PDB file of N, CA and C in Angstrom:
ATOM      1  N   MET A   1      98.314 116.024  77.041  1.00  0.00           N
ATOM      2  CA  MET A   1      96.967 116.358  77.056  1.00  0.00           C
ATOM      3  C   MET A   1      96.184 115.391  78.151  1.00  0.00           C
ATOM      4  N   GLU A   2      95.010 115.841  78.536  1.00  0.00           N
ATOM      5  CA  GLU A   2      94.268 115.362  79.500  1.00  0.00           C
ATOM      6  C   GLU A   2      92.804 114.990  79.256  1.00  0.00           C
ATOM      7  N   ALA A   3      92.017 114.308  79.801  1.00  0.00           N
ATOM      8  CA  ALA A   3      90.919 113.998  79.300  1.00  0.00           C
ATOM      9  C   ALA A   3      89.969 113.343  80.585  1.00  0.00           C
ATOM     10  N   VAL A   4      89.076 113.442  80.641  1.00  0.00           N
ATOM     11  CA  VAL A   4      87.830 113.130  81.745  1.00  0.00           C
ATOM     12  C   VAL A   4      86.856 112.278  80.675  1.00  0.00           C
ATOM     13  N   PHE A   5      86.749 110.957  81.349  1.00  0.00           N
ATOM     14  CA  PHE A   5      85.803 110.216  80.774  1.00  0.00           C
ATOM     15  C   PHE A   5      84.915 109.358  81.903  1.00  0.00           C
ATOM     16  N   LYS A   6      84.256 108.554  81.163  1.00  0.00           N
ATOM     17  CA  LYS A   6      83.338 108.371  82.157  1.00  0.00           C
ATOM     18  C   LYS A   6      83.086 106.703  81.904  1.00  0.00           C
ATOM     19  N   ASP A   7      82.934 105.857  83.100  1.00  0.00           N
ATOM     20  CA  ASP A   7      82.906 104.485  82.555  1.00  0.00           C
ATOM     21  C   ASP A   7      82.373 103.680  84.231  1.00  0.00           C
ATOM     22  N   GLY A   8      81.663 102.656  83.854  1.00  0.00           N
ATOM     23  CA  GLY A   8      80.815 102.183  84.863  1.00  0.00           C
ATOM     24  C   GLY A   8      80.314 103.117  86.203  1.00  0.00           C
ATOM     25  N   GLY A   9      79.787 104.474  85.545  1.00  0.00           N
ATOM     26  CA  GLY A   9      79.181 105.056  86.539  1.00  0.00           C
ATOM     27  C   GLY A   9      80.232 105.760  87.383  1.00  0.00           C
ATOM     28  N   ARG A  10      81.686 106.083  87.080  1.00  0.00           N
ATOM     29  CA  ARG A  10      82.465 107.125  87.773  1.00  0.00           C
ATOM     30  C   ARG A  10      82.994 107.486  86.581  1.00  0.00           C
ATOM     31  N   GLN A  11      83.476 108.545  87.194  1.00  0.00           N
ATOM     32  CA  GLN A  11      84.606 109.672  86.176  1.00  0.00           C
ATOM     33  C   GLN A  11      85.740 109.437  86.309  1.00  0.00           C
ATOM     34  N   TYR A  12      86.506 109.302  85.533  1.00  0.00           N
ATOM     35  CA  TYR A  12      88.244 109.132  85.648  1.00  0.00           C
ATOM     36  C   TYR A  12      88.911 110.426  85.043  1.00  0.00           C
ATOM     37  N   ARG A  13      89.798 111.070  85.407  1.00  0.00           N
ATOM     38  CA  ARG A  13      90.689 112.060  85.012  1.00  0.00           C
ATOM     39  C   ARG A  13      92.069 111.405  84.751  1.00  0.00           C
ATOM     40  N   VAL A  14      92.499 111.343  83.487  1.00  0.00           N
ATOM     41  CA  VAL A  14      93.576 110.717  82.978  1.00  0.00           C
ATOM     42  C   VAL A  14      94.619 111.743  82.498  1.00  0.00           C
ATOM     43  N   LYS A  15      95.693 111.280  82.170  1.00  0.00           N
ATOM     44  CA  LYS A  15      96.630 111.529  81.393  1.00  0.00           C
ATOM     45  C   LYS A  15      97.734 110.610  80.525  1.00  0.00           C
ATOM     46  N   GLU A  16      98.084 110.620  79.126  1.00  0.00           N
ATOM     47  CA  GLU A  16      98.702 109.739  78.643  1.00  0.00           C
ATOM     48  C   GLU A  16      99.654 109.122  79.525  1.00  0.00           C
ATOM     49  N   GLY A  17      99.448 107.680  79.672  1.00  0.00           N
ATOM     50  CA  GLY A  17     100.603 107.006  80.401  1.00  0.00           C
ATOM     51  C   GLY A  17     100.008 106.851  81.876  1.00  0.00           C
ATOM     52  N   ASP A  18      99.158 107.171  81.924  1.00  0.00           N
ATOM     53  CA  ASP A  18      98.818 106.830  83.530  1.00  0.00           C
ATOM     54  C   ASP A  18      98.420 105.460  83.807  1.00  0.00           C
ATOM     55  N   THR A  19      98.290 104.834  84.917  1.00  0.00           N
ATOM     56  CA  THR A  19      97.565 103.736  85.044  1.00  0.00           C
ATOM     57  C   THR A  19      96.484 103.641  86.047  1.00  0.00           C
ATOM     58  N   LEU A  20      95.331 102.888  85.917  1.00  0.00           N
ATOM     59  CA  LEU A  20      94.096 102.796  86.835  1.00  0.00           C
ATOM     60  C   LEU A  20      93.551 101.358  86.681  1.00  0.00           C
ATOM     61  N   ASP A  21      92.657 101.322  88.076  1.00  0.00           N
ATOM     62  CA  ASP A  21      91.768 100.157  88.064  1.00  0.00           C
ATOM     63  C   ASP A  21      90.433 100.659  87.568  1.00  0.00           C
ATOM     64  N   VAL A  22      89.818  99.454  86.714  1.00  0.00           N
ATOM     65  CA  VAL A  22      88.608 100.052  86.030  1.00  0.00           C
ATOM     66  C   VAL A  22      87.819  98.736  86.494  1.00  0.00           C
ATOM     67  N   ASP A  23      86.484  98.852  86.269  1.00  0.00           N
ATOM     68  CA  ASP A  23      85.677  97.807  86.610  1.00  0.00           C
ATOM     69  C   ASP A  23      86.114  96.355  85.550  1.00  0.00           C
ATOM     70  N   PHE A  24      85.799  95.128  86.160  1.00  0.00           N
ATOM     71  CA  PHE A  24      86.379  94.007  85.531  1.00  0.00           C
ATOM     72  C   PHE A  24      85.768  93.876  84.363  1.00  0.00           C
ATOM     73  N   ARG A  25      86.165  93.635  83.312  1.00  0.00           N
ATOM     74  CA  ARG A  25      85.602  93.034  81.939  1.00  0.00           C
ATOM     75  C   ARG A  25      86.584  91.684  81.694  1.00  0.00           C
ATOM     76  N   PRO A  26      86.004  90.778  81.044  1.00  0.00           N
ATOM     77  CA  PRO A  26      86.989  89.427  80.346  1.00  0.00           C
ATOM     78  C   PRO A  26      87.715  90.006  79.489  1.00  0.00           C
ATOM     79  N   ILE A  27      88.589  90.578  79.300  1.00  0.00           N
ATOM     80  CA  ILE A  27      89.799  91.134  78.429  1.00  0.00           C
ATOM     81  C   ILE A  27      90.981  90.374  78.728  1.00  0.00           C
ATOM     82  N   GLU A  28      91.866  89.695  77.811  1.00  0.00           N
ATOM     83  CA  GLU A  28      93.111  89.308  78.113  1.00  0.00           C
ATOM     84  C   GLU A  28      94.292  90.361  78.551  1.00  0.00           C
ATOM     85  N   LYS A  29      95.313  90.045  79.129  1.00  0.00           N
ATOM     86  CA  LYS A  29      96.574  90.766  79.467  1.00  0.00           C
ATOM     87  C   LYS A  29      96.733  91.241  78.137  1.00  0.00           C
ATOM     88  N   GLY A  30      97.058  92.278  77.820  1.00  0.00           N
ATOM     89  CA  GLY A  30      97.837  92.810  76.630  1.00  0.00           C
ATOM     90  C   GLY A  30      96.726  93.396  75.615  1.00  0.00           C
ATOM     91  N   GLY A  31      95.500  93.230  75.885  1.00  0.00           N
ATOM     92  CA  GLY A  31      94.674  93.365  74.782  1.00  0.00           C
ATOM     93  C   GLY A  31      94.149  95.165  74.867  1.00  0.00           C
ATOM     94  N   THR A  32      93.264  95.598  73.955  1.00  0.00           N
ATOM     95  CA  THR A  32      93.265  97.187  74.403  1.00  0.00           C
ATOM     96  C   THR A  32      91.378  97.354  74.569  1.00  0.00           C
ATOM     97  N   LEU A  33      91.586  98.561  74.909  1.00  0.00           N
ATOM     98  CA  LEU A  33      90.182  98.858  75.695  1.00  0.00           C
ATOM     99  C   LEU A  33      90.013 100.279  75.187  1.00  0.00           C
ATOM    100  N   GLU A  34      88.811 100.591  74.624  1.00  0.00           N
ATOM    101  CA  GLU A  34      88.459 102.350  74.398  1.00  0.00           C
ATOM    102  C   GLU A  34      87.166 102.504  74.989  1.00  0.00           C
ATOM    103  N   PHE A  35      87.370 103.822  75.544  1.00  0.00           N
ATOM    104  CA  PHE A  35      86.420 104.193  76.116  1.00  0.00           C
ATOM    105  C   PHE A  35      86.321 105.505  75.307  1.00  0.00           C
ATOM    106  N   SER A  36      84.697 105.637  74.965  1.00  0.00           N
ATOM    107  CA  SER A  36      84.074 106.611  73.831  1.00  0.00           C
ATOM    108  C   SER A  36      83.495 107.492  74.827  1.00  0.00           C
ATOM    109  N   GLU A  37      82.959 107.366  76.094  1.00  0.00           N
ATOM    110  CA  GLU A  37      82.144 108.415  76.751  1.00  0.00           C
ATOM    111  C   GLU A  37      83.419 109.361  77.136  1.00  0.00           C
ATOM    112  N   VAL A  38      83.964 110.100  76.447  1.00  0.00           N
ATOM    113  CA  VAL A  38      84.540 111.333  76.836  1.00  0.00           C
ATOM    114  C   VAL A  38      83.874 112.469  77.198  1.00  0.00           C
ATOM    115  N   LEU A  39      84.250 113.134  78.153  1.00  0.00           N
ATOM    116  CA  LEU A  39      83.614 114.176  79.159  1.00  0.00           C
ATOM    117  C   LEU A  39      84.036 115.435  78.727  1.00  0.00           C
ATOM    118  N   TYR A  40      85.501 115.256  78.456  1.00  0.00           N
ATOM    119  CA  TYR A  40      86.566 116.824  78.582  1.00  0.00           C
ATOM    120  C   TYR A  40      87.724 116.366  77.734  1.00  0.00           C
ATOM    121  N   VAL A  41      88.254 116.908  77.117  1.00  0.00           N
ATOM    122  CA  VAL A  41      89.464 116.947  76.518  1.00  0.00           C
ATOM    123  C   VAL A  41      90.286 118.303  76.471  1.00  0.00           C
ATOM    124  N   GLY A  42      91.502 118.289  77.006  1.00  0.00           N
ATOM    125  CA  GLY A  42      92.067 119.459  77.053  1.00  0.00           C
ATOM    126  C   GLY A  42      93.965 119.445  77.449  1.00  0.00           C
ATOM    127  N   GLY A  43      94.253 120.547  77.930  1.00  0.00           N
ATOM    128  CA  GLY A  43      95.703 120.382  78.180  1.00  0.00           C
ATOM    129  C   GLY A  43      96.698 120.926  77.389  1.00  0.00           C
ATOM    130  N   GLU A  44      97.853 120.830  77.568  1.00  0.00           N
ATOM    131  CA  GLU A  44      99.159 121.204  76.764  1.00  0.00           C
ATOM    132  C   GLU A  44      98.858 120.555  75.644  1.00  0.00           C
ATOM    133  N   GLY A  45      99.190 121.503  74.287  1.00  0.00           N
ATOM    134  CA  GLY A  45      99.405 121.504  73.021  1.00  0.00           C
ATOM    135  C   GLY A  45      97.908 121.783  72.420  1.00  0.00           C
ATOM    136  N   GLN A  46      96.989 121.909  72.914  1.00  0.00           N
ATOM    137  CA  GLN A  46      95.419 122.592  72.670  1.00  0.00           C
ATOM    138  C   GLN A  46      95.329 124.184  72.866  1.00  0.00           C
ATOM    139  N   ALA A  47      94.951 124.962  71.796  1.00  0.00           N
ATOM    140  CA  ALA A  47      94.719 126.116  72.388  1.00  0.00           C
ATOM    141  C   ALA A  47      93.402 126.107  73.017  1.00  0.00           C
ATOM    142  N   ALA A  48      92.308 125.596  73.023  1.00  0.00           N
ATOM    143  CA  ALA A  48      91.176 125.790  73.699  1.00  0.00           C
ATOM    144  C   ALA A  48      90.703 123.908  74.500  1.00  0.00           C
ATOM    145  N   ALA A  49      90.312 124.007  75.369  1.00  0.00           N
ATOM    146  CA  ALA A  49      89.833 122.772  75.981  1.00  0.00           C
ATOM    147  C   ALA A  49      88.272 122.501  75.544  1.00  0.00           C
ATOM    148  N   ARG A  50      88.155 121.307  74.755  1.00  0.00           N
ATOM    149  CA  ARG A  50      86.858 120.573  74.716  1.00  0.00           C
ATOM    150  C   ARG A  50      86.031 120.269  75.669  1.00  0.00           C
ATOM    151  N   ILE A  51      85.004 120.672  75.981  1.00  0.00           N
ATOM    152  CA  ILE A  51      83.883 120.116  77.070  1.00  0.00           C
ATOM    153  C   ILE A  51      82.577 119.509  76.295  1.00  0.00           C
ATOM    154  N   GLY A  52      82.296 118.311  76.510  1.00  0.00           N
ATOM    155  CA  GLY A  52      81.004 117.805  76.025  1.00  0.00           C
ATOM    156  C   GLY A  52      79.924 118.138  76.475  1.00  0.00           C
ATOM    157  N   ARG A  53      78.923 118.223  75.948  1.00  0.00           N
ATOM    158  CA  ARG A  53      77.358 118.489  76.268  1.00  0.00           C
ATOM    159  C   ARG A  53      76.519 117.421  75.707  1.00  0.00           C
ATOM    160  N   PRO A  54      76.503 115.936  76.418  1.00  0.00           N
ATOM    161  CA  PRO A  54      77.249 115.376  77.514  1.00  0.00           C
ATOM    162  C   PRO A  54      78.789 115.078  76.996  1.00  0.00           C
ATOM    163  N   THR A  55      78.691 114.612  75.999  1.00  0.00           N
ATOM    164  CA  THR A  55      80.246 114.025  75.679  1.00  0.00           C
ATOM    165  C   THR A  55      80.829 114.889  74.097  1.00  0.00           C
ATOM    166  N   VAL A  56      81.899 114.520  73.949  1.00  0.00           N
ATOM    167  CA  VAL A  56      82.795 115.056  73.193  1.00  0.00           C
ATOM    168  C   VAL A  56      82.685 114.244  72.277  1.00  0.00           C
ATOM    169  N   GLY A  57      82.243 114.759  70.730  1.00  0.00           N
ATOM    170  CA  GLY A  57      81.924 114.035  69.741  1.00  0.00           C
ATOM    171  C   GLY A  57      83.402 113.321  68.895  1.00  0.00           C
ATOM    172  N   GLY A  58      83.340 112.154  68.666  1.00  0.00           N
ATOM    173  CA  GLY A  58      84.612 111.828  68.171  1.00  0.00           C
ATOM    174  C   GLY A  58      85.989 111.488  69.056  1.00  0.00           C
ATOM    175  N   ALA A  59      85.710 112.112  70.215  1.00  0.00           N
ATOM    176  CA  ALA A  59      86.745 111.850  71.155  1.00  0.00           C
ATOM    177  C   ALA A  59      86.677 110.376  71.720  1.00  0.00           C
ATOM    178  N   ARG A  60      88.160 109.536  71.905  1.00  0.00           N
ATOM    179  CA  ARG A  60      88.179 108.447  72.401  1.00  0.00           C
ATOM    180  C   ARG A  60      89.422 108.126  73.175  1.00  0.00           C
ATOM    181  N   VAL A  61      89.590 107.480  74.560  1.00  0.00           N
ATOM    182  CA  VAL A  61      90.596 107.294  75.214  1.00  0.00           C
ATOM    183  C   VAL A  61      90.970 105.714  74.894  1.00  0.00           C
ATOM    184  N   ARG A  62      92.179 105.551  74.304  1.00  0.00           N
ATOM    185  CA  ARG A  62      92.785 104.201  74.432  1.00  0.00           C
ATOM    186  C   ARG A  62      93.509 103.467  75.268  1.00  0.00           C
ATOM    187  N   ALA A  63      93.407 102.373  75.855  1.00  0.00           N
ATOM    188  CA  ALA A  63      93.823 101.918  77.089  1.00  0.00           C
ATOM    189  C   ALA A  63      94.404 100.321  76.526  1.00  0.00           C
ATOM    190  N   ILE A  64      95.751 100.214  77.459  1.00  0.00           N
ATOM    191  CA  ILE A  64      96.374  98.530  77.247  1.00  0.00           C
ATOM    192  C   ILE A  64      96.019  98.181  78.707  1.00  0.00           C
ATOM    193  N   VAL A  65      95.460  96.442  78.551  1.00  0.00           N
ATOM    194  CA  VAL A  65      95.237  96.123  79.812  1.00  0.00           C
ATOM    195  C   VAL A  65      96.358  95.419  80.137  1.00  0.00           C
ATOM    196  N   LEU A  66      96.985  95.683  81.225  1.00  0.00           N
ATOM    197  CA  LEU A  66      97.770  95.018  82.198  1.00  0.00           C
ATOM    198  C   LEU A  66      97.494  93.595  82.669  1.00  0.00           C
ATOM    199  N   GLY A  67      96.203  93.546  83.099  1.00  0.00           N
ATOM    200  CA  GLY A  67      96.136  92.568  83.761  1.00  0.00           C
ATOM    201  C   GLY A  67      94.599  92.487  85.076  1.00  0.00           C
ATOM    202  N   PRO A  68      94.167  91.451  85.408  1.00  0.00           N
ATOM    203  CA  PRO A  68      93.564  91.601  86.663  1.00  0.00           C
ATOM    204  C   PRO A  68      94.120  91.860  88.017  1.00  0.00           C
ATOM    205  N   VAL A  69      93.459  92.702  88.809  1.00  0.00           N
ATOM    206  CA  VAL A  69      93.893  93.012  90.248  1.00  0.00           C
ATOM    207  C   VAL A  69      92.764  92.695  90.950  1.00  0.00           C
ATOM    208  N   LYS A  70      92.897  92.761  92.391  1.00  0.00           N
ATOM    209  CA  LYS A  70      91.820  92.530  93.504  1.00  0.00           C
ATOM    210  C   LYS A  70      92.104  93.834  94.151  1.00  0.00           C
ATOM    211  N   GLY A  71      91.103  94.569  94.673  1.00  0.00           N
ATOM    212  CA  GLY A  71      90.521  95.748  95.342  1.00  0.00           C
ATOM    213  C   GLY A  71      90.980  95.028  97.140  1.00  0.00           C
ATOM    214  N   LYS A  72      90.991  95.931  97.711  1.00  0.00           N
ATOM    215  CA  LYS A  72      91.342  95.711  99.088  1.00  0.00           C
ATOM    216  C   LYS A  72      90.365  95.153  99.527  1.00  0.00           C
ATOM    217  N   LYS A  73      90.263  94.146 100.712  1.00  0.00           N
ATOM    218  CA  LYS A  73      89.604  93.138 101.484  1.00  0.00           C
ATOM    219  C   LYS A  73      88.469  94.023 102.241  1.00  0.00           C
ATOM    220  N   LEU A  74      87.466  94.131 102.165  1.00  0.00           N
ATOM    221  CA  LEU A  74      86.126  94.667 102.820  1.00  0.00           C
ATOM    222  C   LEU A  74      85.730  93.609 103.791  1.00  0.00           C
ATOM    223  N   ILE A  75      85.528  93.675 104.730  1.00  0.00           N
ATOM    224  CA  ILE A  75      84.850  92.940 105.774  1.00  0.00           C
ATOM    225  C   ILE A  75      83.334  93.680 105.967  1.00  0.00           C
ATOM    226  N   ALA A  76      82.501  92.585 106.191  1.00  0.00           N
ATOM    227  CA  ALA A  76      81.137  92.745 106.509  1.00  0.00           C
ATOM    228  C   ALA A  76      80.758  91.811 107.792  1.00  0.00           C
ATOM    229  N   ALA A  77      79.914  92.516 108.778  1.00  0.00           N
ATOM    230  CA  ALA A  77      80.316  91.611 109.927  1.00  0.00           C
ATOM    231  C   ALA A  77      78.797  91.998 110.552  1.00  0.00           C
ATOM    232  N   LYS A  78      77.905  90.882 110.943  1.00  0.00           N
ATOM    233  CA  LYS A  78      76.760  90.942 111.828  1.00  0.00           C
ATOM    234  C   LYS A  78      76.829  90.201 113.305  1.00  0.00           C
ATOM    235  N   PHE A  79      76.104  90.951 114.308  1.00  0.00           N
ATOM    236  CA  PHE A  79      76.104  90.787 115.666  1.00  0.00           C
ATOM    237  C   PHE A  79      74.681  90.723 115.826  1.00  0.00           C
ATOM    238  N   ARG A  80      74.374  90.015 116.654  1.00  0.00           N
ATOM    239  CA  ARG A  80      73.243  90.046 117.635  1.00  0.00           C
ATOM    240  C   ARG A  80      73.527  89.851 118.959  1.00  0.00           C
ATOM    241  N   ARG A  81      73.351  90.833 119.947  1.00  0.00           N
ATOM    242  CA  ARG A  81      73.756  90.376 120.946  1.00  0.00           C
ATOM    243  C   ARG A  81      72.775  89.361 121.975  1.00  0.00           C
ATOM    244  N   ARG A  82      73.403  88.813 122.683  1.00  0.00           N
ATOM    245  CA  ARG A  82      72.447  87.419 123.336  1.00  0.00           C
ATOM    246  C   ARG A  82      71.875  86.711 122.831  1.00  0.00           C
ATOM    247  N   LYS A  83      72.027  86.544 121.197  1.00  0.00           N
ATOM    248  CA  LYS A  83      71.386  85.619 120.591  1.00  0.00           C
ATOM    249  C   LYS A  83      72.144  84.638 120.076  1.00  0.00           C
ATOM    250  N   GLY A  84      73.713  84.498 120.120  1.00  0.00           N
ATOM    251  CA  GLY A  84      74.558  83.816 119.645  1.00  0.00           C
ATOM    252  C   GLY A  84      74.663  83.912 118.021  1.00  0.00           C
ATOM    253  N   LEU A  85      74.462  85.093 117.592  1.00  0.00           N
ATOM    254  CA  LEU A  85      74.699  85.246 115.910  1.00  0.00           C
ATOM    255  C   LEU A  85      76.042  86.128 115.799  1.00  0.00           C
ATOM    256  N   HIS A  86      76.946  85.688 115.352  1.00  0.00           N
ATOM    257  CA  HIS A  86      78.002  86.106 114.865  1.00  0.00           C
ATOM    258  C   HIS A  86      78.585  85.642 113.192  1.00  0.00           C
ATOM    259  N   LYS A  87      78.330  86.440 112.505  1.00  0.00           N
ATOM    260  CA  LYS A  87      78.559  86.211 111.194  1.00  0.00           C
ATOM    261  C   LYS A  87      79.714  87.655 110.533  1.00  0.00           C
ATOM    262  N   ARG A  88      80.655  86.749 109.852  1.00  0.00           N
ATOM    263  CA  ARG A  88      81.400  87.933 109.096  1.00  0.00           C
ATOM    264  C   ARG A  88      81.941  87.209 108.036  1.00  0.00           C
ATOM    265  N   VAL A  89      81.922  88.273 106.865  1.00  0.00           N
ATOM    266  CA  VAL A  89      81.914  88.022 105.468  1.00  0.00           C
ATOM    267  C   VAL A  89      83.139  88.749 105.044  1.00  0.00           C
ATOM    268  N   GLY A  90      83.818  88.246 104.233  1.00  0.00           N
ATOM    269  CA  GLY A  90      84.681  88.997 103.421  1.00  0.00           C
ATOM    270  C   GLY A  90      84.667  88.815 102.132  1.00  0.00           C
ATOM    271  N   HIS A  91      84.942  90.338 101.274  1.00  0.00           N
ATOM    272  CA  HIS A  91      85.227  90.472  99.781  1.00  0.00           C
ATOM    273  C   HIS A  91      85.849  91.311  99.421  1.00  0.00           C
ATOM    274  N   ARG A  92      86.467  90.788  98.089  1.00  0.00           N
ATOM    275  CA  ARG A  92      87.640  91.650  97.300  1.00  0.00           C
ATOM    276  C   ARG A  92      87.177  91.713  95.824  1.00  0.00           C
ATOM    277  N   GLN A  93      86.760  92.987  95.373  1.00  0.00           N
ATOM    278  CA  GLN A  93      86.227  93.388  94.309  1.00  0.00           C
ATOM    279  C   GLN A  93      87.337  93.291  93.087  1.00  0.00           C
ATOM    280  N   PRO A  94      86.810  92.251  92.119  1.00  0.00           N
ATOM    281  CA  PRO A  94      87.782  92.377  91.009  1.00  0.00           C
ATOM    282  C   PRO A  94      88.181  93.560  90.180  1.00  0.00           C
ATOM    283  N   TYR A  95      88.858  94.035  89.731  1.00  0.00           N
ATOM    284  CA  TYR A  95      89.294  95.287  88.505  1.00  0.00           C
ATOM    285  C   TYR A  95      90.147  94.550  87.562  1.00  0.00           C
ATOM    286  N   ILE A  96      90.515  95.273  86.531  1.00  0.00           N
ATOM    287  CA  ILE A  96      91.526  95.265  85.521  1.00  0.00           C
ATOM    288  C   ILE A  96      92.254  96.629  85.552  1.00  0.00           C
ATOM    289  N   LYS A  97      93.707  96.548  85.585  1.00  0.00           N
ATOM    290  CA  LYS A  97      94.457  97.457  85.918  1.00  0.00           C
ATOM    291  C   LYS A  97      94.928  97.561  83.953  1.00  0.00           C
ATOM    292  N   VAL A  98      94.715  99.091  83.917  1.00  0.00           N
ATOM    293  CA  VAL A  98      95.061  99.724  82.382  1.00  0.00           C
ATOM    294  C   VAL A  98      95.768 100.567  82.419  1.00  0.00           C
ATOM    295  N   LYS A  99      96.527 100.825  81.309  1.00  0.00           N
ATOM    296  CA  LYS A  99      97.443 102.147  81.229  1.00  0.00           C
ATOM    297  C   LYS A  99      96.946 102.937  79.979  1.00  0.00           C
ATOM    298  N   ILE A 100      96.860 104.050  80.239  1.00  0.00           N
ATOM    299  CA  ILE A 100      96.432 105.027  78.764  1.00  0.00           C
ATOM    300  C   ILE A 100      97.514 105.314  77.968  1.00  0.00           C
ATOM    301  N   GLU A 101      97.146 104.615  76.976  1.00  0.00           N
ATOM    302  CA  GLU A 101      97.839 104.832  76.084  1.00  0.00           C
ATOM    303  C   GLU A 101      97.858 105.871  75.080  1.00  0.00           C
ATOM    304  N   LYS A 102      96.587 106.432  74.602  1.00  0.00           N
ATOM    305  CA  LYS A 102      96.549 107.618  73.304  1.00  0.00           C
ATOM    306  C   LYS A 102      94.909 108.194  73.844  1.00  0.00           C
ATOM    307  N   ILE A 103      95.075 109.438  74.082  1.00  0.00           N
ATOM    308  CA  ILE A 103      93.630 110.519  73.991  1.00  0.00           C
ATOM    309  C   ILE A 103      93.461 110.692  72.451  1.00  0.00           C
ATOM    310  N   GLU A 104      92.648 110.427  72.032  1.00  0.00           N
ATOM    311  CA  GLU A 104      92.326 111.374  70.516  1.00  0.00           C
ATOM    312  C   GLU A 104      90.806 112.169  70.769  1.00  0.00           C
ATOM    313  N   GLY A 105      90.990 113.040  70.016  1.00  0.00           N
ATOM    314  CA  GLY A 105      90.012 114.094  70.390  1.00  0.00           C
ATOM    315  C   GLY A 105      90.135 115.230  69.798  1.00  0.00           C
TER     316      GLY A 105
END
C-alpha cells in the first residue's frame, strides 16, 4: 500500500518501510509521529485507489522517529568588487529521519 501525504508545505509519496527526512520537531528517538493530511491512498491489496478532496477522511500515516539528522551544507556568499566586502555563511538545515510503519485508510 502506498500513500501521498502533506507535511510542512511539501508532499511525500511513501510505502510501508520507507525512510525519509521531514521537518525538524522536538521528538525523541523511538517516538511515533502521525501524519493526518493524507491526499491519496492506494496500491496493492485495494480494489480502487482513494483520492482525497482535499484529504482522505480517516486516513493516517504512522512513522517511527529514527533520530535527528542535518541536511547538506549550503553556502551563501556576498561579494562587492573593490569594496573589501567578502562574506561567507554556511547553513545546515535540521531534519528528523522517520521510518513509515503503517498506512491506515
